[in-house]
Protein backbone atom coordinates (compact mmCIF):
# COMPACT_ATOMS: atom_id res chain seq x y z
CA MET A 1 195.46 110.70 244.56
CA ALA A 2 194.47 109.22 247.93
CA ARG A 3 191.89 110.14 250.58
CA VAL A 4 191.97 109.01 254.23
CA ALA A 5 188.82 108.01 256.10
CA ALA A 6 188.09 106.55 259.54
CA SER A 7 187.49 102.83 259.55
CA THR A 8 184.80 101.14 261.66
CA SER A 9 185.08 97.87 259.73
CA PRO A 10 187.96 95.39 259.88
CA PRO A 11 191.11 96.90 258.44
CA ALA A 12 191.62 96.32 254.75
CA VAL A 13 194.60 94.41 253.48
CA GLU A 14 197.08 96.58 251.61
CA VAL A 15 198.28 95.06 248.36
CA ALA A 16 201.63 96.33 247.09
CA VAL A 17 201.63 97.11 243.37
CA ALA A 18 204.95 96.16 241.82
CA PRO A 19 206.33 98.32 239.00
CA PRO A 20 205.97 96.81 235.54
CA PRO A 21 208.84 94.58 234.41
CA VAL A 22 211.63 96.12 232.37
CA TRP A 23 210.69 94.20 229.24
CA HIS A 24 207.37 96.07 229.09
CA SER A 25 209.17 99.36 228.37
CA LEU A 26 211.56 97.62 225.97
CA ALA A 27 208.71 96.09 223.97
CA ALA A 28 206.69 99.32 223.95
CA GLY A 29 209.76 101.35 222.95
CA GLY A 30 210.58 99.03 220.06
CA ALA A 31 207.01 99.12 218.76
CA SER A 32 206.88 102.91 218.97
CA ALA A 33 210.14 103.19 216.98
CA ILE A 34 208.72 101.25 214.03
CA VAL A 35 205.40 103.09 213.88
CA SER A 36 206.79 106.59 214.43
CA ARG A 37 209.62 106.27 211.88
CA LEU A 38 207.20 105.17 209.19
CA VAL A 39 205.27 108.41 209.73
CA THR A 40 208.08 110.89 210.38
CA TYR A 41 210.88 109.82 208.05
CA PRO A 42 209.67 111.84 205.01
CA PRO A 43 209.42 115.24 206.79
CA ASP A 44 212.68 114.47 208.60
CA THR A 45 214.38 113.96 205.24
CA VAL A 46 213.05 117.32 204.04
CA LYS A 47 214.19 119.04 207.24
CA SER A 48 217.73 117.67 206.98
CA ARG A 49 218.12 118.69 203.33
CA LEU A 50 216.85 122.21 203.99
CA GLN A 51 219.26 122.70 206.89
CA VAL A 52 222.31 121.50 204.94
CA GLN A 53 221.77 123.00 201.48
CA GLY A 54 223.80 126.03 200.50
CA SER A 55 226.73 125.36 202.85
CA GLY A 56 230.00 123.47 202.57
CA GLY A 57 229.69 123.20 198.79
CA CYS A 58 226.18 121.70 198.96
CA ALA A 59 223.71 122.70 196.27
CA ALA A 60 220.75 124.91 197.14
CA LEU A 61 217.92 122.96 195.54
CA TYR A 62 214.83 124.04 197.49
CA THR A 63 213.20 127.37 198.32
CA GLY A 64 211.20 126.12 201.30
CA THR A 65 209.48 123.20 202.97
CA GLY A 66 206.59 122.93 200.50
CA HIS A 67 208.90 123.22 197.50
CA ALA A 68 211.19 120.53 198.93
CA PHE A 69 208.30 118.10 199.39
CA ALA A 70 207.03 118.72 195.87
CA LYS A 71 210.44 118.50 194.18
CA ILE A 72 211.50 115.32 195.98
CA ALA A 73 208.16 113.70 195.14
CA ALA A 74 208.44 114.70 191.48
CA GLN A 75 212.09 113.77 190.94
CA GLU A 76 212.65 110.86 193.35
CA GLY A 77 209.20 109.59 194.20
CA LEU A 78 208.35 107.90 197.49
CA ARG A 79 211.77 106.28 197.57
CA GLY A 80 213.41 109.70 197.91
CA PHE A 81 211.61 110.35 201.19
CA TYR A 82 212.61 106.94 202.59
CA ARG A 83 216.22 106.88 201.45
CA GLY A 84 218.15 104.55 203.78
CA PHE A 85 215.05 103.81 205.86
CA GLY A 86 215.56 100.05 206.24
CA GLY A 87 219.08 100.25 207.59
CA ILE A 88 218.26 103.15 209.88
CA LEU A 89 215.21 101.35 211.29
CA LEU A 90 217.35 98.42 212.44
CA THR A 91 219.39 100.79 214.58
CA VAL A 92 216.57 103.07 215.72
CA ILE A 93 214.66 100.23 217.37
CA PRO A 94 217.35 99.51 220.01
CA ALA A 95 217.97 103.24 220.38
CA ASN A 96 214.29 103.87 221.15
CA MET A 97 214.28 100.97 223.57
CA THR A 98 217.27 102.54 225.32
CA TYR A 99 215.56 105.94 225.54
CA PHE A 100 212.37 104.61 227.10
CA SER A 101 214.32 102.39 229.47
CA GLY A 102 216.15 105.51 230.64
CA TYR A 103 212.81 107.32 230.96
CA GLU A 104 211.36 104.58 233.17
CA LEU A 105 214.60 104.39 235.17
CA GLY A 106 214.45 108.14 235.81
CA LYS A 107 210.86 107.86 237.02
CA ARG A 108 211.84 105.08 239.44
CA VAL A 109 214.90 106.78 240.93
CA ALA A 110 213.11 110.12 241.39
CA PRO A 111 211.43 110.70 244.77
CA LYS A 112 207.79 109.65 244.85
CA ASP A 113 205.36 112.48 244.07
CA ALA A 114 208.33 114.74 243.25
CA GLY A 115 206.38 116.62 240.58
CA LEU A 116 208.61 118.77 238.37
CA LEU A 117 211.79 117.39 239.93
CA GLY A 118 210.73 113.86 239.05
CA ASP A 119 209.89 114.89 235.48
CA LEU A 120 213.29 116.58 235.06
CA THR A 121 215.06 113.53 236.49
CA ALA A 122 213.30 111.28 233.98
CA ALA A 123 214.15 113.66 231.12
CA VAL A 124 217.84 113.95 231.93
CA THR A 125 218.24 110.22 232.58
CA ALA A 126 216.48 109.27 229.33
CA GLN A 127 218.65 111.56 227.20
CA THR A 128 221.90 110.69 228.98
CA VAL A 129 221.35 106.97 228.51
CA ALA A 130 220.08 107.19 224.92
CA GLY A 131 222.45 109.87 223.62
CA VAL A 132 225.38 107.49 223.25
CA VAL A 133 223.26 105.27 220.98
CA PHE A 134 221.46 108.01 219.06
CA CYS A 135 224.50 110.09 218.05
CA PRO A 136 226.06 107.58 215.60
CA ILE A 137 222.60 106.73 214.23
CA ASP A 138 221.81 110.40 213.72
CA ILE A 139 225.05 111.03 211.82
CA VAL A 140 224.54 108.09 209.45
CA LYS A 141 220.83 108.88 208.97
CA GLN A 142 221.42 112.52 208.06
CA ARG A 143 224.26 111.72 205.67
CA VAL A 144 222.01 109.26 203.83
CA GLN A 145 219.11 111.73 203.77
CA THR A 146 221.23 114.61 202.40
CA GLN A 147 222.99 112.74 199.59
CA ALA A 148 220.99 114.66 196.98
CA VAL A 149 222.42 118.02 198.07
CA MET A 150 225.88 116.89 199.22
CA ALA A 151 226.91 114.67 196.28
CA VAL A 152 229.18 112.61 198.53
CA GLU A 153 231.00 109.72 196.94
CA GLY A 154 230.33 106.13 197.92
CA GLY A 155 226.61 105.76 197.35
CA ALA A 156 223.58 106.52 199.46
CA SER A 157 223.12 103.40 201.59
CA PRO A 158 223.57 103.40 205.38
CA LEU A 159 226.52 101.02 205.01
CA ALA A 160 228.19 103.37 202.52
CA ALA A 161 227.64 106.26 204.94
CA VAL A 162 229.20 104.26 207.77
CA ARG A 163 232.25 103.51 205.62
CA HIS A 164 232.57 107.14 204.57
CA VAL A 165 232.44 108.42 208.15
CA TYR A 166 234.93 105.82 209.37
CA ALA A 167 237.34 106.43 206.48
CA ASN A 168 237.42 110.17 207.12
CA ALA A 169 237.32 110.36 210.92
CA GLY A 170 237.49 106.86 212.41
CA VAL A 171 235.35 105.92 215.42
CA PRO A 172 235.34 109.51 216.82
CA GLY A 173 233.58 110.56 213.61
CA PHE A 174 230.44 108.77 214.74
CA PHE A 175 230.32 110.95 217.84
CA LYS A 176 231.00 114.24 216.10
CA GLY A 177 228.53 116.75 217.50
CA TYR A 178 227.77 114.63 220.58
CA ILE A 179 228.08 117.62 222.91
CA THR A 180 226.04 119.76 220.54
CA MET A 181 223.51 116.94 220.27
CA ASN A 182 223.07 116.86 224.04
CA ALA A 183 223.01 120.65 224.06
CA LEU A 184 219.94 120.24 221.85
CA TRP A 185 218.22 117.19 223.28
CA LEU A 186 218.78 117.82 226.98
CA PRO A 187 216.93 121.18 226.73
CA TRP A 188 214.35 119.58 224.42
CA ASN A 189 213.68 116.77 226.89
CA THR A 190 213.65 119.06 229.91
CA ILE A 191 210.99 121.14 228.16
CA TYR A 192 209.05 118.30 226.58
CA LEU A 193 208.73 115.72 229.36
CA PRO A 194 207.63 118.11 232.15
CA LEU A 195 205.04 119.64 229.79
CA TYR A 196 203.87 116.19 228.70
CA GLU A 197 203.57 114.85 232.25
CA ALA A 198 201.87 118.04 233.50
CA ALA A 199 199.35 117.89 230.65
CA LYS A 200 198.62 114.23 231.43
CA ARG A 201 198.08 115.04 235.12
CA ARG A 202 195.67 117.86 234.22
CA ILE A 203 193.61 115.56 231.99
CA TYR A 204 193.80 112.80 234.62
CA HIS A 205 192.18 114.98 237.31
CA TRP A 206 189.60 116.24 234.82
CA GLN A 207 188.75 112.65 233.91
CA LEU A 208 188.52 111.65 237.60
CA ASP A 209 185.96 114.42 238.21
CA ARG A 210 183.90 113.19 235.27
CA LEU A 211 184.02 109.57 236.47
CA ARG A 212 183.07 110.54 240.04
CA ALA A 213 180.12 112.58 238.75
CA ALA A 214 178.99 109.62 236.67
CA GLY A 215 179.43 107.23 239.60
CA SER A 216 181.61 104.91 237.54
CA ILE A 217 184.87 105.23 239.46
CA HIS A 218 186.06 102.32 241.59
CA PRO A 219 188.62 103.51 244.14
CA GLY A 220 190.95 101.12 245.89
CA VAL A 221 191.06 100.78 249.69
CA SER A 222 194.14 99.95 251.72
CA GLN A 223 195.16 100.06 255.37
CA GLY A 224 196.79 103.20 256.72
CA PRO A 225 198.41 104.07 260.05
CA GLY A 226 196.19 104.17 263.14
CA GLY A 227 193.47 101.98 261.66
CA MET A 228 192.61 104.54 258.97
CA ARG A 229 191.47 103.53 255.51
CA ILE A 230 193.30 105.02 252.52
CA ILE A 231 190.94 105.36 249.56
CA SER A 232 193.04 105.58 246.40
CA ASP A 233 191.94 106.67 242.96
CA PRO A 234 192.70 104.38 240.00
CA PRO A 235 196.18 104.84 238.51
CA MET A 236 196.69 107.35 235.73
CA LEU A 237 197.41 104.77 233.02
CA GLN A 238 193.98 103.19 233.55
CA VAL A 239 192.04 106.47 233.67
CA LEU A 240 193.49 108.58 230.85
CA PRO A 241 191.53 108.43 227.57
CA ILE A 242 193.52 107.18 224.62
CA TRP A 243 193.35 110.53 222.80
CA SER A 244 195.18 112.28 225.64
CA PHE A 245 198.53 110.71 224.74
CA PRO A 246 198.91 112.09 221.19
CA LEU A 247 197.35 115.43 222.15
CA CYS A 248 199.65 116.05 225.13
CA SER A 249 202.65 114.79 223.22
CA ALA A 250 202.09 116.82 220.04
CA LEU A 251 201.57 120.13 221.87
CA SER A 252 204.52 119.58 224.20
CA SER A 253 206.78 118.50 221.35
CA ALA A 254 205.88 121.47 219.15
CA THR A 255 206.70 123.87 222.00
CA ALA A 256 210.03 122.19 222.74
CA SER A 257 210.94 122.01 219.04
CA ILE A 258 210.36 125.71 218.41
CA ALA A 259 212.40 126.64 221.49
CA THR A 260 215.39 124.48 220.51
CA HIS A 261 215.34 124.72 216.71
CA PRO A 262 218.40 127.03 216.31
CA ILE A 263 220.51 124.43 218.14
CA ASP A 264 219.16 121.73 215.82
CA VAL A 265 220.25 123.68 212.73
CA VAL A 266 223.80 123.99 214.08
CA LYS A 267 223.85 120.35 215.19
CA THR A 268 222.71 119.07 211.78
CA ARG A 269 225.27 121.12 209.88
CA LEU A 270 228.02 120.16 212.29
CA GLN A 271 227.29 116.45 211.89
CA VAL A 272 226.77 116.39 208.14
CA LEU A 273 229.58 118.86 207.32
CA SER A 274 231.94 117.56 210.02
CA ASN A 275 235.00 117.59 207.71
CA ARG A 276 233.97 120.34 205.30
CA SER A 277 234.77 124.03 205.50
CA GLY A 278 234.21 124.96 201.90
CA GLY A 279 233.80 121.83 199.87
CA ALA A 280 235.61 118.57 199.36
CA ALA A 281 239.41 118.45 199.25
CA ALA A 282 241.11 118.16 195.88
CA PRO A 283 242.90 114.90 195.03
CA GLY A 284 246.21 114.65 196.85
CA GLU A 285 245.43 117.54 199.21
CA ALA A 286 244.90 117.30 202.94
CA PRO A 287 241.27 117.36 204.02
CA PRO A 288 239.99 120.78 205.12
CA PRO A 289 239.82 121.46 208.86
CA ARG A 290 236.74 120.28 210.68
CA LEU A 291 234.17 122.86 211.61
CA THR A 292 233.33 123.66 215.21
CA ALA A 293 229.86 124.57 216.44
CA TRP A 294 230.94 128.20 216.87
CA GLN A 295 232.30 128.34 213.30
CA VAL A 296 229.04 126.91 211.97
CA CYS A 297 227.11 129.61 213.85
CA ARG A 298 229.33 132.39 212.47
CA GLN A 299 229.17 131.14 208.89
CA LEU A 300 225.40 130.75 209.06
CA TYR A 301 224.88 134.20 210.55
CA VAL A 302 227.18 135.88 208.01
CA ALA A 303 225.50 134.12 205.09
CA GLU A 304 221.84 134.31 206.11
CA GLY A 305 221.49 136.29 209.33
CA LEU A 306 219.15 135.18 212.08
CA ARG A 307 216.76 133.79 209.48
CA GLY A 308 219.25 131.01 208.78
CA PHE A 309 218.72 129.59 212.26
CA SER A 310 215.03 129.01 211.47
CA ARG A 311 215.76 127.04 208.30
CA GLY A 312 213.57 123.91 208.22
CA LEU A 313 211.50 124.98 211.25
CA GLY A 314 208.17 124.02 209.68
CA ALA A 315 209.42 120.59 208.66
CA ARG A 316 210.96 120.03 212.09
CA VAL A 317 207.82 121.00 214.00
CA ALA A 318 205.78 118.73 211.71
CA THR A 319 208.28 115.91 212.18
CA MET A 320 208.65 116.23 215.94
CA SER A 321 205.01 116.85 216.87
CA THR A 322 203.73 114.08 214.61
CA GLY A 323 206.52 111.72 215.58
CA SER A 324 206.10 112.36 219.29
CA ALA A 325 202.33 111.90 219.06
CA VAL A 326 202.70 108.57 217.25
CA THR A 327 205.63 107.44 219.42
CA TRP A 328 204.02 108.14 222.78
CA LEU A 329 200.58 106.94 221.67
CA THR A 330 202.13 103.63 220.64
CA TYR A 331 204.34 103.45 223.74
CA GLU A 332 201.59 104.20 226.26
CA SER A 333 199.07 101.99 224.46
CA VAL A 334 201.41 98.99 224.37
CA LYS A 335 202.30 99.54 228.03
CA ARG A 336 198.60 99.70 228.96
CA TRP A 337 197.84 96.55 226.97
CA LEU A 338 200.73 94.67 228.58
CA ALA A 339 199.67 95.82 232.06
CA ARG A 340 196.07 94.69 231.50
CA ARG A 341 197.25 91.38 230.10
CA ALA A 342 199.52 90.82 233.11
CA ALA A 343 196.66 91.71 235.49
CA ALA A 344 194.34 89.27 233.69
CA GLU A 345 196.94 86.52 233.90
CA GLU A 346 197.43 87.21 237.60
CA GLY A 347 193.66 87.04 238.08
CA ASP A 348 193.52 83.69 236.27
CA VAL A 349 196.34 82.36 238.43
CA ALA A 350 194.62 83.60 241.59
CA ALA A 351 191.32 82.05 240.51
CA ALA A 352 193.05 78.77 239.72
CA ALA A 353 194.81 78.86 243.09
CA GLY A 354 191.51 79.58 244.82
CA GLY A 355 189.84 76.71 242.99
CA ALA A 356 192.65 74.34 243.92
CA ALA A 357 192.40 75.45 247.54
CA ALA A 358 188.63 74.85 247.52
CA VAL A 359 189.09 71.37 246.05
CA ALA A 360 191.78 70.59 248.62
CA GLY A 361 189.51 71.84 251.42
CA ALA A 362 186.63 69.71 250.21
CA ALA A 363 188.92 66.68 250.05
CA GLU A 364 190.12 67.33 253.58
CA ARG A 365 186.53 67.64 254.85
CA SER A 366 185.55 64.42 253.07
CA ALA A 367 188.55 62.63 254.55
CA ALA A 368 187.70 63.92 258.04
CA ALA A 369 184.08 62.82 257.68
CA ALA A 370 185.16 59.39 256.49
CA ALA A 371 187.56 59.10 259.41
CA GLY A 372 184.76 60.08 261.83
CA ASP A 373 182.42 57.45 260.40
CA SER A 374 185.13 54.82 260.66
CA ALA A 375 185.82 55.71 264.31
CA ALA A 376 182.12 55.47 265.15
CA GLY A 377 181.90 52.04 263.51
CA ASP A 378 184.86 50.77 265.50
CA ALA A 379 183.35 51.92 268.82
CA LEU A 380 179.91 50.26 268.26
CA PRO A 381 180.84 46.60 269.11
CA VAL A 382 182.52 47.75 272.31
CA ARG A 383 179.39 49.56 273.44
CA HIS A 384 177.20 46.54 272.69
CA LYS A 385 179.56 44.24 274.58
CA ALA A 386 179.46 46.49 277.63
CA GLU A 387 175.64 46.48 277.62
CA ALA A 388 175.57 42.68 277.36
CA SER A 389 177.80 42.27 280.39
């Protein structure tokens, strides 16, 4: 936010603020991937098992979210919730870095102060860039997580899942459900990011009012057209309280997750049951035809009605809201820390440059004074000689 005022003093010098370097978003995105996956992997495992069980020959082991948590804990322990976590984490880190790079790219290419249009541009760009990376990861992750209900041969490691997918469908198998995935995550992002950014802006203006009332705000001043002074408020990243990031993110994510959950159920079944229509093929027989998204919808509706499309909703809302809160809290906090560190380093460089300039100026003045004294000494004998004559 900026205010314009008449200037009776010398015009201020406008200092252009460069956008943060790309590696800031890469570092923040990688850090957020590690922290968020540690928190959200257990409920995500429960969600995936609930959505897959009872279809394509998979056993129906759980009656609900709470029962799934209790049964996995009792039968498999903590390891059951983190099945395949290590291998998945190695791939999620670059995927998260890709997503946040797309998010920052979308914010830069959008028109300045574009509001909702800018938020939508950032959302679509982030998902479009990251979707190519996330789809194969999602397929492998969900196959590893659902081993207990699918009883697929080959073991439960991420590498075994990769081999199984490649043996059955080749490279295209890793992109099965890509269109359905984007049909889920493009709407999710176009709901989530505008809500998240709007919530941050609301808290930002509320915080500015509080700081002005307390007299603790320090606006910036730059030169405007016609000799006017532009008084700018501090940037949002410096003003927002740290609690605003998880709060805005959790509420926005829960709303987007509820709105898009039916698509997520279809997407999960399509990816996990990509070559199953009624169980595994018998030895020597051709594999059953692959299911389409429409066939998955029909089978689910016939078997369970509309209720089937809400399967795992509680686990998904818990996963997404918690994961988004942790992810964006980590991301924004690391970005803020890197920005403050860069500003401090720039200040140290400027101070060092100023000190060097002062030393150089003092040296020049000393040299000039010495030169003046020398010139005066050289002229003295001439003056005395003239007086003697």
